[in-house]
Protein backbone atom coordinates (compact mmCIF):
# COMPACT_ATOMS: atom_id res chain seq x y z
CA MET A 1 33.26 -15.64 -23.71
CA HIS A 2 32.81 -12.82 -21.24
CA ASP A 3 33.32 -12.09 -17.59
CA GLU A 4 31.89 -8.92 -16.07
CA ARG A 5 33.85 -9.28 -12.84
CA PRO A 6 37.48 -8.23 -12.37
CA THR A 7 39.50 -11.39 -12.92
CA ASN A 8 42.35 -10.38 -10.63
CA ALA A 9 41.53 -12.35 -7.51
CA GLU A 10 43.26 -9.88 -5.21
CA ALA A 11 41.61 -6.76 -6.58
CA GLN A 12 39.53 -4.73 -4.15
CA PRO A 13 36.99 -2.02 -5.02
CA GLY A 14 38.84 1.19 -5.81
CA ASP A 15 42.17 -0.58 -5.37
CA ARG A 16 43.09 -1.42 -8.97
CA ARG A 17 42.23 0.01 -12.36
CA THR A 18 40.01 -2.23 -14.47
CA ILE A 19 40.67 -2.84 -18.16
CA ALA A 20 38.03 -4.29 -20.50
CA LEU A 21 39.36 -6.41 -23.36
CA VAL A 22 37.14 -7.03 -26.39
CA ASP A 23 38.49 -9.44 -29.01
CA ASP A 24 37.22 -12.57 -30.76
CA ASP A 25 40.67 -14.18 -30.47
CA ARG A 26 40.63 -16.17 -27.23
CA ASN A 27 44.41 -16.51 -27.21
CA ILE A 28 44.81 -12.72 -27.25
CA LEU A 29 42.19 -12.30 -24.52
CA THR A 30 43.91 -14.83 -22.29
CA THR A 31 47.48 -13.65 -22.92
CA VAL A 32 46.74 -9.94 -22.50
CA SER A 33 44.54 -10.51 -19.46
CA ILE A 34 47.24 -12.52 -17.68
CA ALA A 35 49.87 -9.89 -18.50
CA LEU A 36 47.67 -7.04 -17.23
CA GLN A 37 46.84 -8.88 -14.02
CA ALA A 38 50.53 -9.54 -13.41
CA ASP A 39 51.09 -5.79 -13.83
CA GLY A 40 48.50 -4.90 -11.18
CA PHE A 41 45.31 -4.42 -13.20
CA ALA A 42 41.95 -6.13 -12.94
CA THR A 43 40.47 -7.28 -16.26
CA ARG A 44 37.13 -8.10 -17.84
CA VAL A 45 37.09 -9.98 -21.14
CA TYR A 46 34.49 -10.14 -23.93
CA SER A 47 34.60 -12.10 -27.16
CA ASP A 48 32.60 -9.67 -29.31
CA GLY A 49 31.09 -6.21 -29.33
CA GLU A 50 27.56 -7.30 -28.56
CA ALA A 51 28.68 -9.15 -25.44
CA ALA A 52 30.63 -6.09 -24.29
CA LEU A 53 28.20 -3.27 -25.07
CA LYS A 54 25.72 -3.68 -22.23
CA ALA A 55 28.40 -4.49 -19.66
CA LEU A 56 30.50 -1.46 -20.60
CA ARG A 57 27.53 0.80 -19.99
CA GLU A 58 26.24 -0.80 -16.80
CA ASN A 59 29.63 -1.39 -15.19
CA PRO A 60 32.20 0.82 -16.95
CA PRO A 61 35.91 -0.02 -16.67
CA ASP A 62 38.69 2.55 -16.45
CA LEU A 63 39.84 1.84 -20.01
CA ALA A 64 38.92 -0.52 -22.84
CA VAL A 65 40.92 -2.22 -25.59
CA PHE A 66 38.86 -3.05 -28.71
CA ASP A 67 39.85 -5.23 -31.62
CA ILE A 68 38.47 -3.71 -34.82
CA LYS A 69 37.83 -6.89 -36.81
CA MET A 70 35.19 -8.88 -34.91
CA PRO A 71 32.01 -10.75 -35.89
CA ARG A 72 28.49 -9.65 -34.86
CA MET A 73 29.58 -6.14 -33.85
CA ASP A 74 33.02 -4.87 -34.81
CA GLY A 75 35.16 -2.45 -32.82
CA MET A 76 34.13 0.56 -34.92
CA GLU A 77 30.43 0.06 -34.23
CA LEU A 78 31.10 -0.68 -30.57
CA LEU A 79 33.08 2.55 -30.23
CA ARG A 80 30.35 4.53 -32.02
CA ARG A 81 27.77 3.29 -29.53
CA VAL A 82 30.01 3.82 -26.52
CA ARG A 83 30.83 7.38 -27.61
CA ALA A 84 27.11 8.18 -27.66
CA TYR A 85 27.16 8.22 -23.86
CA SER A 86 30.75 8.02 -22.60
CA ASP A 87 34.30 9.37 -23.01
CA LEU A 88 35.75 6.05 -21.82
CA PRO A 89 39.44 5.84 -22.88
CA VAL A 90 39.69 3.35 -25.76
CA ILE A 91 42.69 1.79 -27.48
CA PHE A 92 42.12 0.06 -30.82
CA LEU A 93 43.94 -3.06 -31.98
CA THR A 94 44.29 -2.79 -35.75
CA SER A 95 45.76 -4.73 -38.64
CA LYS A 96 49.34 -3.72 -39.37
CA ASP A 97 49.64 -0.61 -41.58
CA ASP A 98 45.87 -0.27 -41.96
CA GLU A 99 45.71 3.52 -41.93
CA GLY A 100 42.06 3.48 -43.01
CA ASP A 101 41.08 1.77 -39.76
CA GLU A 102 43.19 4.18 -37.75
CA GLU A 103 41.72 7.30 -39.34
CA ALA A 104 38.15 6.06 -39.00
CA GLY A 105 38.80 5.15 -35.38
CA PHE A 106 40.08 8.61 -34.51
CA GLU A 107 37.13 10.23 -36.23
CA MET A 108 34.87 8.21 -33.92
CA GLY A 109 36.85 9.12 -30.84
CA ALA A 110 39.47 6.40 -30.27
CA ASP A 111 42.32 7.58 -28.04
CA ASP A 112 45.14 5.41 -29.35
CA TYR A 113 45.83 2.39 -31.52
CA ILE A 114 48.33 -0.45 -31.63
CA ALA A 115 48.95 -2.58 -34.70
CA LYS A 116 48.97 -6.38 -34.50
CA PRO A 117 51.19 -8.23 -33.80
CA PHE A 118 52.05 -6.14 -30.76
CA SER A 119 54.35 -6.19 -27.75
CA LEU A 120 52.58 -6.80 -24.43
CA ARG A 121 55.00 -4.39 -22.79
CA LEU A 122 54.11 -1.71 -25.33
CA LEU A 123 50.38 -2.25 -24.82
CA ILE A 124 50.72 -2.00 -21.03
CA ALA A 125 52.87 1.12 -21.35
CA ARG A 126 50.26 2.73 -23.61
CA ILE A 127 47.46 1.77 -21.21
CA ARG A 128 49.30 3.34 -18.28
CA ALA A 129 50.14 6.47 -20.24
CA LEU A 130 46.58 6.92 -21.44
CA LEU A 131 45.10 6.35 -17.98
CA ARG A 132 47.51 8.89 -16.55
CA ARG A 133 46.77 11.49 -19.20
CA THR A 134 43.00 11.07 -19.01
CA GLY A 135 43.03 11.32 -15.23
CA ALA A 136 41.84 7.74 -14.72
CA GLY A 137 45.11 6.23 -13.61
CA GLY A 138 44.83 6.64 -9.89
CA GLY A 139 47.85 7.00 -7.66
CA GLU A 140 50.64 9.44 -8.35
CA ALA A 141 52.27 10.18 -11.67
CA GLY A 142 55.57 8.45 -12.04
CA GLU A 143 54.67 5.21 -10.29
CA HIS A 144 55.68 1.95 -12.00
CA GLY A 145 58.83 3.70 -13.22
CA GLU A 146 57.08 5.98 -15.75
CA PRO A 147 58.34 9.54 -16.28
CA GLU A 148 56.15 12.25 -14.81
CA PRO A 149 54.36 14.44 -17.36
CA GLY A 150 56.42 17.48 -18.32
CA PRO A 151 55.41 21.15 -18.18
CA VAL A 152 53.09 22.82 -20.64
CA ILE A 153 54.87 23.58 -23.92
CA GLU A 154 54.14 26.81 -25.85
CA ARG A 155 55.87 27.05 -29.21
CA GLY A 156 54.41 29.68 -31.51
CA ARG A 157 50.95 28.42 -32.45
CA LEU A 158 51.51 25.09 -30.70
CA HIS A 159 50.18 24.44 -27.20
CA MET A 160 50.90 21.08 -25.55
CA ASP A 161 49.74 20.02 -22.09
CA PRO A 162 51.38 16.66 -21.24
CA SER A 163 49.42 16.22 -18.00
CA ARG A 164 46.15 16.28 -19.97
CA HIS A 165 47.49 14.85 -23.25
CA GLN A 166 46.07 17.88 -25.04
CA VAL A 167 47.41 19.50 -28.20
CA ASN A 168 46.16 22.71 -29.80
CA TRP A 169 47.31 24.47 -32.94
CA ASP A 170 46.14 28.05 -33.30
CA GLY A 171 43.65 27.32 -30.54
CA ARG A 172 42.16 24.35 -32.37
CA PRO A 173 42.43 20.83 -30.87
CA VAL A 174 44.50 18.15 -32.62
CA SER A 175 43.93 14.54 -31.52
CA LEU A 176 47.18 12.56 -31.28
CA THR A 177 47.90 9.04 -30.15
CA VAL A 178 50.20 8.56 -27.16
CA SER A 179 53.10 7.66 -29.48
CA GLU A 180 52.51 10.72 -31.67
CA PHE A 181 52.21 12.96 -28.62
CA LEU A 182 55.52 11.74 -27.20
CA ILE A 183 57.30 12.21 -30.55
CA LEU A 184 55.93 15.74 -30.94
CA GLU A 185 56.83 16.55 -27.34
CA ALA A 186 60.43 15.43 -27.96
CA LEU A 187 60.63 17.65 -31.04
CA ALA A 188 58.90 20.70 -29.54
CA GLN A 189 61.00 20.74 -26.38
CA ARG A 190 63.97 21.94 -28.42
CA PRO A 191 62.86 23.82 -31.56
CA GLY A 192 65.33 23.74 -34.40
CA VAL A 193 67.30 20.83 -32.95
CA ILE A 194 67.44 17.78 -35.21
CA LYS A 195 66.18 14.59 -33.57
CA SER A 196 67.25 11.33 -35.18
CA ARG A 197 64.77 8.50 -35.66
CA ASN A 198 66.52 6.57 -32.90
CA GLN A 199 66.08 9.47 -30.49
CA LEU A 200 62.39 9.68 -31.34
CA MET A 201 62.05 5.91 -30.86
CA ASP A 202 63.57 6.29 -27.40
CA ALA A 203 61.07 9.03 -26.58
CA ALA A 204 58.01 7.10 -27.71
CA TYR A 205 58.65 3.44 -26.90
CA PRO A 206 59.80 1.34 -23.93
CA ASP A 207 63.45 0.31 -23.96
CA ASP A 208 62.81 -3.31 -24.94
CA VAL A 209 60.37 -2.59 -27.79
CA PHE A 210 61.93 -2.54 -31.25
CA VAL A 211 60.47 -0.44 -34.04
CA ASP A 212 62.06 0.31 -37.37
CA ASP A 213 62.67 3.67 -39.04
CA ARG A 214 59.50 3.37 -41.09
CA THR A 215 57.39 3.37 -37.93
CA ILE A 216 58.68 6.82 -36.93
CA ASP A 217 58.22 8.06 -40.51
CA SER A 218 54.62 6.79 -40.46
CA HIS A 219 53.93 8.59 -37.17
CA ILE A 220 55.31 11.83 -38.61
CA LYS A 221 53.23 11.44 -41.75
CA ARG A 222 50.04 10.93 -39.75
CA MET A 223 50.82 13.85 -37.43
CA ARG A 224 51.31 16.19 -40.36
CA ARG A 225 48.03 15.05 -41.85
CA LYS A 226 46.21 15.73 -38.57
CA PHE A 227 47.69 19.21 -38.20
CA ARG A 228 46.90 20.01 -41.83
CA SER A 229 43.29 19.12 -41.17
CA VAL A 230 43.15 22.27 -39.01
CA ASP A 231 45.76 24.30 -40.93
CA ASP A 232 46.36 23.66 -44.63
CA ASN A 233 49.71 25.45 -44.43
CA PHE A 234 51.10 23.55 -41.45
CA GLY A 235 54.84 22.98 -41.87
CA ALA A 236 56.30 23.08 -38.36
CA ILE A 237 57.61 19.50 -38.46
CA GLU A 238 60.56 19.57 -40.83
CA THR A 239 62.37 16.65 -42.43
CA LEU A 240 66.14 16.72 -42.67
CA TYR A 241 66.86 13.89 -45.09
CA GLY A 242 69.36 11.40 -43.74
CA ALA A 243 69.36 13.04 -40.30
CA GLY A 244 65.86 13.07 -38.82
CA TYR A 245 63.23 15.65 -37.93
CA SER A 246 62.99 19.01 -36.18
CA PHE A 247 60.27 21.37 -35.01
CA SER A 248 60.13 24.99 -36.14
CA ASP A 249 58.14 27.48 -34.10
CA GLY A 250 58.77 30.32 -36.51
């Protein structure tokens, strides 16, 4: 199953952003495609990596969503081949709590991931945020009711540029997902101030998307691991047991 043309009948060249969906689950392809079209996107759908690979190169979309577990060519291999020639923004769909998939995906150059089962609203919010931060979103920041990117944040060895979705620690880049970036931004805006898990949920997720406390804890754990990959002694994100988290720029 694949369609190399935008499936939004009203889309005009240059008028709408195009999202490529690659998944062997036809129900997911159909459901996500309909939701994206209703939100103003054009879509192209592919049922496996082999079907998508040539089309992605010859007629690149603005962003792609890859399932990891697919027959013939899985999402990891598809991303590896795409990264050989392109910095196309890519969001992975992964199995719930499969940190191995997530870590491997980031090493290959994935920009974000969402665990199945997922909220359509969350996926669309992440797509819009990633398009905006990679400069592929078109239009003006803040359309569709999204907050405009904040100013550059300098906190000790931390440098954050929300408009470019870039994070550096001691001058070395750290690759964060959109959710992780938004959580860190909320913490770094007010060093030393304790942010509860609920406050961090509000910063990172749309209002109608529910996540539990463990989701925020998992994001913090992964962020620490990423920062420690460039600085073994990283300890700027502090845990205050029973209260939440804070950022220290000391």
